Amino acid sequence: MSSDGMNSRRSSGMQRSLLAIGAMLVLIAGLSTWSAGLNGPYQFDDYVTPLGDPASQSLDAWGTFLPRTLRPATKLSYALEAEAGLSGQPAARRVVSFMLFALAAVLLGLLIARLEPRAAPFGALMLAAVWFLHPVQADSVLLLSGRTALLSAVFLLIALLALERSRPLLSAILFVLACLARETALAGLLPLAALAASRPGVSTRSVLRELSPILAGAALALLWMLTTPRYLQLAEFSLLGRPFWHSFFSQVGAVPLGLDLLLHPVRLSVDYGLPLPGKATDPLFLFGLGLYLAAAAGIVLLLRRSRIAAVGLALWLAALLPTQSLIPKLDALSNRPLSLALAGLLLLAAPILLTVFEGVRGKASKSAATGSAIFPAGPGLAAGVVALALLVPLAGASVQRAELFRTELSLWQDAAAKSSANPRPHMQYAALLHRAGRNREAREALSAAQAIDPFSSQIAAMAKAYQPEEVSQ
C-alpha cells in the first residue's frame, strides 16, 4: 500500500475516533447538565398529565380509554412506565425522557449531516449539541407533561430521515406516530414536503407520488382526531373560550419574543408574563407576521438552492404555526414549540456558517499553505469550533435552569420574578409560600398579582385566606 493510502486510512481512523470521543463528551455534558433537575418533584402540568390522566395509569387503562383520549402515543409511554412501577418515581421517568431527548439530538445531527455533506460529522455533531444543551429544552426533559413535544419531535425527525432515504411508506408511519404523540405534528407535512420538493431534478408529479403515503397518513390522523371526543373538546375549549382576534394578534406577536428567548435563554420561564400585542397595528404583531412571510418566501427561494435551509425554515414554521397563529390557546407564549423551532433554525444556520468558513479558509489558503491531513472537511470542522464556543455558556445556563426544577418553590419564584403581565405565576408562588408557612411573603406575592389584575375575585379570596389570624377574626 502506498504512503498516501496509509495516511488516508490513518486520517479516516483518527476522524472516527475523534468523532466517537466528541459524541461521548457531548452525551456526558448533557447528562451532567440536565441531572441538576432530575431529582425534583412532579411540576406544573405533570399533575394533569400523566398523574391525573386515566389513560396514563396502566396498559389496561390505556386500552380502555384509547378511543377517546388525547395523544395516545405519548400516553402509551406513560402507561408503560406506570406498569413498571415508576408512577411514584419522577426522577426515573425523567431519565426515560432524557434518553428520548438524546435520541432526538442524534437524529438532528444525522439530518444535518445528510442534508449538508459539507458539515462533515464534526460540524453536525456540534450543531446538534447546541440543541441538546440549550436551556429551552428544560420543559421537555424535566416536565413529564413535556414529553408530548419531545416524542413527536423524535418521530418527526425519523420520518424526515426516512423520506430522505426514499422510504416514503416508513416515513408515513412515523409521521402518523408523531401526530398521535402531539396533534400539532400535523404541521410536519411542511418540512416533509420541502424535503421531497428540494430533491434535484424532481417534477411535481414525482413529489406528489413520493408524498402520497404521507398525505394518506395525515388524512388518517386527522380523521382520528375529528372522531375522538377529547380532541373535539380541546378544539371547542380553544375556539369558543377566547376572543379570536386578540388571541391571534398575541400569538403571532409572541413569535419574535420566542426568537429572543432562544438568543437570550436567561429570560426563559415556566409561565410567561410578558406584555403581548392585542391589535393589528402593534409593531410586535407586524414583526411576527413579517417573520412568517419571510420564512414562507425563503422556503420557495431556497428549495433548489439549499435543501437544508429550505427544510430548516419549513421545520421552524411547522413548530410554531399550530400554536402561534389562528387557533386560540390559553398561553400565547410557551417553551415547547420553541424546542423544535430551534432545530429548524440550526438547520438553516448550517449552510450559512459553512459558506462563511469556506470564504475565510479560501483567503487563508492564498496567504499561507495551511491545512491538516486529519481534518479534510475544514469548513465543517470550523462550524463545529464555533458551535463548541457556544456550548460552555449554554450548558452553564441550562444547569442554572435545571436547578430551578429541584423544588416547586424555586421554579415559581423564578417565574414570578419574570412576570409583569400575568398574575398566575405570582398566585402559584403565593400558594406555595403559604403551604410552606411563609404567609408574609405569600401576601407580598399576592400583592404583585393584584397589581396586575386588581379585579380578580380569586386573588381577593386568596389574600383574605392568607391574612394573619388576628386580622381575619
Protein backbone atom coordinates (compact mmCIF):
# COMPACT_ATOMS: atom_id res chain seq x y z
CA MET A 1 0.00 0.00 0.00
CA SER A 2 1.27 3.48 -0.90
CA SER A 3 2.13 6.02 1.76
CA ASP A 4 -0.78 8.20 0.58
CA GLY A 5 -3.17 5.30 1.11
CA MET A 6 -1.80 4.59 4.56
CA ASN A 7 -2.07 8.25 5.50
CA SER A 8 -5.65 8.33 4.23
CA ARG A 9 -6.61 5.30 6.30
CA ARG A 10 -4.86 6.73 9.35
CA SER A 11 -6.65 10.05 8.85
CA SER A 12 -10.05 8.34 8.46
CA GLY A 13 -9.47 6.24 11.57
CA MET A 14 -8.43 9.30 13.53
CA GLN A 15 -11.58 11.16 12.43
CA ARG A 16 -13.82 8.30 13.53
CA SER A 17 -12.08 8.08 16.88
CA LEU A 18 -12.32 11.80 17.50
CA LEU A 19 -15.97 11.80 16.43
CA ALA A 20 -16.76 8.97 18.86
CA ILE A 21 -14.94 10.80 21.65
CA GLY A 22 -16.75 14.03 20.81
CA ALA A 23 -20.17 12.32 20.81
CA MET A 24 -19.42 10.69 24.16
CA LEU A 25 -18.30 14.01 25.64
CA VAL A 26 -21.48 15.71 24.42
CA LEU A 27 -23.60 12.93 25.93
CA ILE A 28 -21.77 13.22 29.27
CA ALA A 29 -22.12 17.00 29.17
CA GLY A 30 -25.84 16.66 28.52
CA LEU A 31 -26.36 14.19 31.33
CA SER A 32 -24.33 16.36 33.71
CA THR A 33 -26.28 19.43 32.66
CA TRP A 34 -29.81 18.06 32.96
CA SER A 35 -29.12 15.85 36.00
CA ALA A 36 -29.31 19.03 38.09
CA GLY A 37 -33.11 18.84 37.84
CA LEU A 38 -33.78 15.11 37.56
CA ASN A 39 -34.50 14.58 41.26
CA GLY A 40 -37.17 17.25 41.57
CA PRO A 41 -40.85 16.54 42.28
CA TYR A 42 -43.64 16.50 39.74
CA GLN A 43 -44.23 20.02 38.48
CA PHE A 44 -46.94 22.21 36.95
CA ASP A 45 -48.84 20.34 34.17
CA ASP A 46 -47.46 16.97 35.35
CA TYR A 47 -50.38 16.84 37.79
CA VAL A 48 -52.77 16.88 34.84
CA THR A 49 -50.80 14.56 32.55
CA PRO A 50 -49.61 11.96 33.36
CA LEU A 51 -50.70 11.95 37.03
CA GLY A 52 -54.34 12.90 36.59
CA ASP A 53 -54.93 11.30 33.21
CA PRO A 54 -56.90 8.00 33.27
CA ALA A 55 -55.26 6.58 30.11
CA SER A 56 -51.76 7.02 31.56
CA GLN A 57 -52.20 4.83 34.64
CA SER A 58 -51.72 1.33 33.16
CA LEU A 59 -51.77 -0.59 29.89
CA ASP A 60 -55.31 -1.79 30.62
CA ALA A 61 -56.43 1.78 31.27
CA TRP A 62 -54.70 2.96 28.09
CA GLY A 63 -56.56 0.34 26.07
CA THR A 64 -59.87 1.25 27.72
CA PHE A 65 -59.53 4.99 27.10
CA LEU A 66 -57.81 4.74 23.70
CA PRO A 67 -60.94 5.57 21.64
CA ARG A 68 -61.50 8.84 23.48
CA THR A 69 -58.15 10.14 24.74
CA LEU A 70 -55.67 12.75 23.53
CA ARG A 71 -52.16 11.93 22.27
CA PRO A 72 -52.34 8.12 22.62
CA ALA A 73 -48.72 7.51 21.54
CA THR A 74 -47.36 9.67 24.37
CA LYS A 75 -49.81 8.24 26.88
CA LEU A 76 -48.68 4.74 25.94
CA SER A 77 -45.21 5.70 27.17
CA TYR A 78 -46.74 6.92 30.45
CA ALA A 79 -48.77 3.71 30.78
CA LEU A 80 -45.66 1.57 30.23
CA GLU A 81 -43.87 3.48 33.00
CA ALA A 82 -46.84 3.00 35.31
CA GLU A 83 -46.80 -0.74 34.58
CA ALA A 84 -43.11 -0.75 35.52
CA GLY A 85 -43.93 0.83 38.89
CA LEU A 86 -42.47 4.26 38.11
CA SER A 87 -45.55 6.36 38.90
CA GLY A 88 -44.08 7.43 42.24
CA GLN A 89 -40.59 7.99 40.83
CA PRO A 90 -40.49 11.20 38.78
CA ALA A 91 -36.68 11.05 38.56
CA ALA A 92 -36.76 7.65 36.85
CA ARG A 93 -39.40 8.89 34.42
CA ARG A 94 -37.26 11.91 33.62
CA VAL A 95 -34.39 9.56 32.78
CA VAL A 96 -36.67 7.99 30.15
CA SER A 97 -37.38 11.47 28.79
CA PHE A 98 -33.65 12.22 28.75
CA MET A 99 -32.98 9.07 26.71
CA LEU A 100 -35.61 10.14 24.17
CA PHE A 101 -34.07 13.60 24.18
CA ALA A 102 -30.59 12.21 23.47
CA LEU A 103 -32.06 10.15 20.62
CA ALA A 104 -33.66 13.29 19.16
CA ALA A 105 -30.28 15.08 19.27
CA VAL A 106 -28.63 12.19 17.43
CA LEU A 107 -31.38 12.26 14.80
CA LEU A 108 -30.94 16.00 14.35
CA GLY A 109 -27.19 15.55 13.85
CA LEU A 110 -27.80 12.81 11.27
CA LEU A 111 -30.28 15.02 9.42
CA ILE A 112 -27.79 17.91 9.31
CA ALA A 113 -25.02 15.65 8.02
CA ARG A 114 -27.36 14.09 5.46
CA LEU A 115 -28.67 17.37 4.06
CA GLU A 116 -25.39 19.29 4.25
CA PRO A 117 -22.43 17.00 3.47
CA ARG A 118 -20.01 19.92 3.87
CA ALA A 119 -20.83 19.96 7.57
CA ALA A 120 -18.98 16.66 7.99
CA PRO A 121 -19.55 14.66 11.19
CA PHE A 122 -17.89 17.24 13.44
CA GLY A 123 -19.95 20.22 12.35
CA ALA A 124 -23.19 18.23 12.50
CA LEU A 125 -22.29 16.92 15.96
CA MET A 126 -21.58 20.36 17.35
CA LEU A 127 -24.73 21.93 15.88
CA ALA A 128 -26.81 19.09 17.34
CA ALA A 129 -25.01 19.63 20.65
CA VAL A 130 -26.17 23.26 20.67
CA TRP A 131 -29.75 21.95 20.50
CA PHE A 132 -29.01 19.29 23.13
CA LEU A 133 -27.61 21.75 25.67
CA HIS A 134 -29.90 24.73 25.13
CA PRO A 135 -31.88 25.78 28.24
CA VAL A 136 -35.15 25.90 26.30
CA GLN A 137 -35.17 22.08 26.45
CA ALA A 138 -35.82 22.07 30.21
CA ASP A 139 -39.60 21.85 29.77
CA SER A 140 -39.29 18.79 27.52
CA VAL A 141 -36.78 16.94 29.70
CA LEU A 142 -37.73 17.94 33.25
CA LEU A 143 -41.53 18.21 32.92
CA LEU A 144 -43.17 14.84 32.28
CA SER A 145 -46.01 16.67 30.56
CA GLY A 146 -43.43 18.00 28.07
CA ARG A 147 -42.89 14.54 26.62
CA THR A 148 -45.67 15.15 24.10
CA ALA A 149 -43.46 17.66 22.26
CA LEU A 150 -40.34 15.55 22.74
CA LEU A 151 -41.83 12.28 21.45
CA SER A 152 -43.49 13.93 18.46
CA ALA A 153 -40.14 15.56 17.59
CA VAL A 154 -38.40 12.16 17.71
CA PHE A 155 -40.94 10.60 15.34
CA LEU A 156 -40.89 13.61 13.00
CA LEU A 157 -37.09 13.66 12.76
CA ILE A 158 -37.01 9.93 11.98
CA ALA A 159 -39.75 10.49 9.39
CA LEU A 160 -37.61 13.16 7.72
CA LEU A 161 -34.59 10.85 7.66
CA ALA A 162 -36.70 8.00 6.25
CA LEU A 163 -38.06 10.21 3.49
CA GLU A 164 -34.57 11.48 2.70
CA ARG A 165 -33.55 7.84 2.19
CA SER A 166 -36.51 7.38 -0.18
CA ARG A 167 -38.67 5.32 2.18
CA PRO A 168 -41.97 7.19 1.98
CA LEU A 169 -44.10 4.39 3.49
CA LEU A 170 -41.91 4.18 6.60
CA SER A 171 -41.88 7.97 6.76
CA ALA A 172 -45.70 8.00 6.64
CA ILE A 173 -45.97 5.54 9.55
CA LEU A 174 -43.55 7.59 11.64
CA PHE A 175 -45.36 10.80 10.76
CA VAL A 176 -48.67 9.33 11.96
CA LEU A 177 -46.98 8.34 15.23
CA ALA A 178 -45.72 11.91 15.59
CA CYS A 179 -49.29 13.17 15.17
CA LEU A 180 -50.56 10.67 17.73
CA ALA A 181 -47.89 11.87 20.16
CA ARG A 182 -48.94 15.51 19.72
CA GLU A 183 -51.58 16.78 17.30
CA THR A 184 -49.53 19.84 16.30
CA ALA A 185 -47.17 17.47 14.45
CA LEU A 186 -49.67 17.58 11.56
CA ALA A 187 -47.78 20.72 10.52
CA GLY A 188 -44.79 18.42 9.96
CA LEU A 189 -46.22 17.97 6.47
CA LEU A 190 -44.47 21.24 5.65
CA PRO A 191 -40.82 20.13 6.18
CA LEU A 192 -41.61 16.70 4.69
CA ALA A 193 -42.98 18.39 1.56
CA ALA A 194 -40.00 20.75 1.43
CA LEU A 195 -37.64 17.78 1.68
CA ALA A 196 -39.33 15.94 -1.17
CA ALA A 197 -39.64 19.04 -3.38
CA SER A 198 -35.99 20.02 -2.92
CA ARG A 199 -34.55 16.85 -4.47
CA PRO A 200 -32.52 17.67 -7.60
CA GLY A 201 -34.44 17.21 -10.83
CA VAL A 202 -37.80 16.25 -9.34
CA SER A 203 -41.12 17.04 -11.00
CA THR A 204 -44.40 17.98 -9.37
CA ARG A 205 -45.78 14.55 -10.22
CA SER A 206 -42.86 12.70 -8.63
CA VAL A 207 -43.09 14.83 -5.50
CA LEU A 208 -46.80 14.08 -5.12
CA ARG A 209 -46.14 10.39 -5.71
CA GLU A 210 -43.48 10.33 -3.01
CA LEU A 211 -45.67 12.26 -0.60
CA SER A 212 -48.86 10.27 -1.26
CA PRO A 213 -48.37 7.78 1.64
CA ILE A 214 -47.62 10.68 3.99
CA LEU A 215 -50.69 12.61 2.84
CA ALA A 216 -52.78 9.49 3.37
CA GLY A 217 -51.30 9.12 6.85
CA ALA A 218 -52.11 12.77 7.60
CA ALA A 219 -55.70 12.20 6.49
CA LEU A 220 -56.00 9.17 8.80
CA ALA A 221 -54.51 11.07 11.74
CA LEU A 222 -56.88 13.97 11.13
CA LEU A 223 -59.84 11.59 10.88
CA TRP A 224 -58.83 10.05 14.23
CA MET A 225 -58.76 13.50 15.83
CA LEU A 226 -62.10 14.55 14.35
CA THR A 227 -63.80 11.41 15.68
CA THR A 228 -62.19 11.38 19.14
CA PRO A 229 -64.21 13.20 21.84
CA ARG A 230 -61.25 14.66 23.74
CA TYR A 231 -59.80 16.29 20.62
CA LEU A 232 -63.17 17.83 19.88
CA GLN A 233 -63.45 19.08 23.46
CA LEU A 234 -59.98 20.59 23.22
CA ALA A 235 -60.87 22.31 19.94
CA GLU A 236 -64.11 23.65 21.43
CA PHE A 237 -62.27 24.93 24.50
CA SER A 238 -59.73 26.70 22.30
CA LEU A 239 -62.09 28.17 19.73
CA LEU A 240 -65.01 29.21 21.91
CA GLY A 241 -63.28 30.24 25.10
CA ARG A 242 -61.27 33.28 23.97
CA PRO A 243 -61.60 36.33 21.69
CA PHE A 244 -60.30 35.16 18.32
CA TRP A 245 -58.59 38.28 17.03
CA HIS A 246 -57.00 39.23 20.34
CA SER A 247 -55.54 35.71 20.61
CA PHE A 248 -54.34 35.83 17.01
CA PHE A 249 -52.52 39.13 17.47
CA SER A 250 -50.98 37.95 20.76
CA GLN A 251 -49.84 34.58 19.47
CA VAL A 252 -48.26 35.95 16.29
CA GLY A 253 -46.74 38.78 18.31
CA ALA A 254 -45.18 36.17 20.61
CA VAL A 255 -43.10 34.76 17.71
CA PRO A 256 -40.32 37.39 17.87
CA LEU A 257 -40.36 37.10 21.65
CA GLY A 258 -39.76 33.36 21.29
CA LEU A 259 -36.85 34.05 18.97
CA ASP A 260 -35.43 36.47 21.52
CA LEU A 261 -35.76 33.80 24.24
CA LEU A 262 -33.69 31.39 22.16
CA LEU A 263 -30.97 34.02 21.85
CA HIS A 264 -31.24 35.14 25.50
CA PRO A 265 -32.16 31.97 27.43
CA VAL A 266 -31.72 33.69 30.80
CA ARG A 267 -35.23 35.10 30.20
CA LEU A 268 -36.86 31.67 29.95
CA SER A 269 -39.69 30.91 32.36
CA VAL A 270 -42.12 28.08 33.07
CA ASP A 271 -45.07 30.50 32.78
CA TYR A 272 -44.66 33.80 30.93
CA GLY A 273 -46.00 37.17 31.93
CA LEU A 274 -44.65 39.35 29.12
CA PRO A 275 -46.78 42.10 27.55
CA LEU A 276 -48.19 40.93 24.21
CA PRO A 277 -49.95 42.81 21.40
CA GLY A 278 -53.72 42.94 21.17
CA LYS A 279 -54.23 44.78 17.88
CA ALA A 280 -53.14 44.56 14.24
CA THR A 281 -51.11 47.78 14.30
CA ASP A 282 -48.84 46.70 17.15
CA PRO A 283 -45.18 46.57 15.96
CA LEU A 284 -44.65 43.22 17.70
CA PHE A 285 -47.52 41.62 15.77
CA LEU A 286 -46.29 43.09 12.49
CA PHE A 287 -42.80 41.80 13.23
CA GLY A 288 -44.13 38.29 13.89
CA LEU A 289 -46.23 38.36 10.73
CA GLY A 290 -43.20 39.55 8.79
CA LEU A 291 -41.14 36.64 10.12
CA TYR A 292 -43.78 34.18 8.93
CA LEU A 293 -43.96 35.75 5.46
CA ALA A 294 -40.18 35.88 5.17
CA ALA A 295 -39.89 32.20 6.15
CA ALA A 296 -42.53 31.19 3.57
CA ALA A 297 -40.77 33.18 0.84
CA GLY A 298 -37.42 31.75 1.93
CA ILE A 299 -38.66 28.17 1.55
CA VAL A 300 -39.73 28.84 -2.05
CA LEU A 301 -36.49 30.63 -2.94
CA LEU A 302 -34.19 28.07 -1.30
CA LEU A 303 -35.83 24.82 -2.46
CA ARG A 304 -33.40 24.42 -5.37
CA ARG A 305 -30.52 26.37 -3.86
CA SER A 306 -30.06 24.93 -0.36
CA ARG A 307 -32.07 21.89 0.70
CA ILE A 308 -31.08 22.09 4.35
CA ALA A 309 -32.00 25.78 4.61
CA ALA A 310 -35.40 25.21 2.98
CA VAL A 311 -36.15 22.25 5.25
CA GLY A 312 -34.93 24.24 8.27
CA LEU A 313 -37.27 27.14 7.54
CA ALA A 314 -40.13 24.70 6.95
CA LEU A 315 -39.40 22.97 10.27
CA TRP A 316 -39.33 26.32 12.08
CA LEU A 317 -42.71 27.22 10.60
CA ALA A 318 -44.15 23.78 11.39
CA ALA A 319 -43.04 24.11 15.02
CA LEU A 320 -44.71 27.48 15.55
CA LEU A 321 -47.73 27.78 13.24
CA PRO A 322 -50.08 25.40 15.12
CA THR A 323 -49.70 27.24 18.44
CA GLN A 324 -48.74 30.74 17.27
CA SER A 325 -51.39 31.59 14.70
CA LEU A 326 -55.15 31.08 14.24
CA ILE A 327 -56.14 28.62 16.98
CA PRO A 328 -56.62 30.46 20.30
CA LYS A 329 -54.85 28.96 23.31
CA LEU A 330 -54.50 29.66 27.00
CA ASP A 331 -50.83 30.72 26.87
CA ALA A 332 -49.77 32.79 23.87
CA LEU A 333 -46.11 32.04 24.60
CA SER A 334 -44.71 28.70 25.80
CA ASN A 335 -41.40 26.86 25.55
CA ARG A 336 -42.36 23.52 24.00
CA PRO A 337 -42.82 24.74 20.40
CA LEU A 338 -39.52 26.61 20.69
CA SER A 339 -37.61 23.34 21.04
CA LEU A 340 -38.42 22.11 17.53
CA ALA A 341 -38.22 25.68 16.22
CA LEU A 342 -34.60 25.79 17.43
CA ALA A 343 -33.86 22.61 15.46
CA GLY A 344 -35.17 24.32 12.33
CA LEU A 345 -33.00 27.38 12.96
CA LEU A 346 -29.91 25.19 13.34
CA LEU A 347 -30.65 23.51 10.02
CA LEU A 348 -30.98 26.97 8.49
CA ALA A 349 -27.74 28.15 10.11
CA ALA A 350 -25.59 25.23 8.93
CA PRO A 351 -25.04 26.32 5.28
CA ILE A 352 -24.69 29.97 6.29
CA LEU A 353 -21.91 29.17 8.73
CA LEU A 354 -20.21 26.84 6.28
CA THR A 355 -20.28 29.42 3.48
CA VAL A 356 -18.64 31.97 5.79
CA PHE A 357 -15.97 29.48 6.87
CA GLU A 358 -15.27 28.42 3.30
CA GLY A 359 -14.63 32.06 2.40
CA VAL A 360 -12.33 32.53 5.39
CA ARG A 361 -10.45 29.35 4.59
CA GLY A 362 -10.11 30.35 0.93
CA LYS A 363 -8.49 33.64 1.88
CA ALA A 364 -6.22 31.92 4.36
CA SER A 365 -5.07 29.37 1.79
CA LYS A 366 -3.97 32.14 -0.54
CA SER A 367 -1.76 33.79 2.06
CA ALA A 368 -0.26 30.66 3.58
CA ALA A 369 -0.25 26.94 2.91
CA THR A 370 -2.20 25.79 5.94
CA GLY A 371 -4.29 22.68 6.48
CA SER A 372 -4.45 19.33 8.26
CA ALA A 373 -4.47 15.80 6.89
CA ILE A 374 -6.57 14.75 9.86
CA PHE A 375 -9.41 17.19 9.16
CA PRO A 376 -10.03 17.35 5.39
CA ALA A 377 -13.51 18.85 5.87
CA GLY A 378 -12.23 22.22 7.06
CA PRO A 379 -15.50 24.19 6.83
CA GLY A 380 -17.39 21.51 8.71
CA LEU A 381 -14.76 21.50 11.44
CA ALA A 382 -14.84 25.29 11.58
CA ALA A 383 -18.61 25.21 12.07
CA GLY A 384 -18.03 22.74 14.86
CA VAL A 385 -15.47 25.00 16.51
CA VAL A 386 -17.88 27.94 16.51
CA ALA A 387 -20.68 25.75 17.87
CA LEU A 388 -18.30 24.46 20.55
CA ALA A 389 -17.68 28.05 21.65
CA LEU A 390 -21.43 28.28 22.35
CA LEU A 391 -21.67 25.05 24.30
CA VAL A 392 -19.98 26.12 27.52
CA PRO A 393 -22.22 29.16 28.21
CA LEU A 394 -25.29 27.22 27.02
CA ALA A 395 -24.50 24.32 29.34
CA GLY A 396 -23.97 26.73 32.23
CA ALA A 397 -27.31 28.43 31.56
CA SER A 398 -29.01 25.02 31.31
CA VAL A 399 -27.57 23.91 34.66
CA GLN A 400 -28.97 27.05 36.27
CA ARG A 401 -32.33 26.45 34.60
CA ALA A 402 -32.38 22.77 35.59
CA GLU A 403 -31.63 23.58 39.23
CA LEU A 404 -34.89 25.54 39.41
CA PHE A 405 -36.79 22.27 38.85
CA ARG A 406 -35.49 20.79 42.10
CA THR A 407 -38.38 22.35 44.03
CA GLU A 408 -41.73 23.82 43.08
CA LEU A 409 -40.94 26.90 45.13
CA SER A 410 -37.75 27.78 43.26
CA LEU A 411 -39.38 27.22 39.86
CA TRP A 412 -42.30 29.53 40.60
CA GLN A 413 -40.18 32.11 42.36
CA ASP A 414 -38.26 32.45 39.10
CA ALA A 415 -41.48 32.63 37.06
CA ALA A 416 -42.99 35.27 39.35
CA ALA A 417 -39.84 37.39 39.20
CA LYS A 418 -40.08 37.44 35.38
CA SER A 419 -43.84 38.08 35.13
CA SER A 420 -45.07 41.63 34.64
CA ALA A 421 -48.35 40.94 32.82
CA ASN A 422 -49.59 37.57 34.07
CA PRO A 423 -50.85 37.18 37.66
CA ARG A 424 -50.77 33.37 37.59
CA PRO A 425 -47.05 32.89 38.41
CA HIS A 426 -47.43 35.24 41.40
CA MET A 427 -50.54 33.36 42.56
CA GLN A 428 -48.84 29.98 42.23
CA TYR A 429 -45.78 31.26 44.07
CA ALA A 430 -48.00 32.70 46.83
CA ALA A 431 -49.82 29.38 47.25
CA LEU A 432 -46.52 27.53 47.63
CA LEU A 433 -45.24 30.09 50.14
CA HIS A 434 -48.46 29.75 52.14
CA ARG A 435 -48.10 25.97 52.10
CA ALA A 436 -44.57 26.41 53.48
CA GLY A 437 -45.86 28.63 56.32
CA ARG A 438 -44.34 31.81 54.86
CA ASN A 439 -47.53 33.87 54.91
CA ARG A 440 -45.94 37.31 54.92
CA GLU A 441 -44.08 36.51 51.69
CA ALA A 442 -47.23 34.91 50.31
CA ARG A 443 -49.13 38.15 50.84
CA GLU A 444 -46.35 40.08 49.09
CA ALA A 445 -46.61 37.75 46.10
CA LEU A 446 -50.38 38.23 46.03
CA SER A 447 -49.90 41.99 46.12
CA ALA A 448 -47.89 41.68 42.92
CA ALA A 449 -50.69 39.60 41.40
CA GLN A 450 -53.32 42.16 42.45
CA ALA A 451 -51.29 44.94 40.85
CA ILE A 452 -51.60 43.07 37.54
CA ASP A 453 -55.27 42.06 37.94
CA PRO A 454 -56.90 44.18 40.67
CA PHE A 455 -60.42 42.88 39.95
CA SER A 456 -59.75 39.15 40.28
CA SER A 457 -62.09 37.51 42.79
CA GLN A 458 -59.72 34.53 43.06
CA ILE A 459 -56.81 36.71 44.09
CA ALA A 460 -59.01 38.53 46.57
CA ALA A 461 -60.14 35.23 48.13
CA MET A 462 -56.53 34.05 48.44
CA ALA A 463 -55.47 37.34 50.02
CA LYS A 464 -58.25 37.04 52.61
CA ALA A 465 -57.28 33.45 53.41
CA TYR A 466 -53.64 34.40 53.89
CA GLN A 467 -54.29 37.21 56.37
CA PRO A 468 -52.92 36.78 59.91
CA GLU A 469 -55.36 35.02 62.21
CA GLU A 470 -56.00 38.04 64.44
CA VAL A 471 -56.93 40.13 61.39
CA SER A 472 -59.31 37.58 59.92
CA GLN A 473 -61.25 37.12 63.20
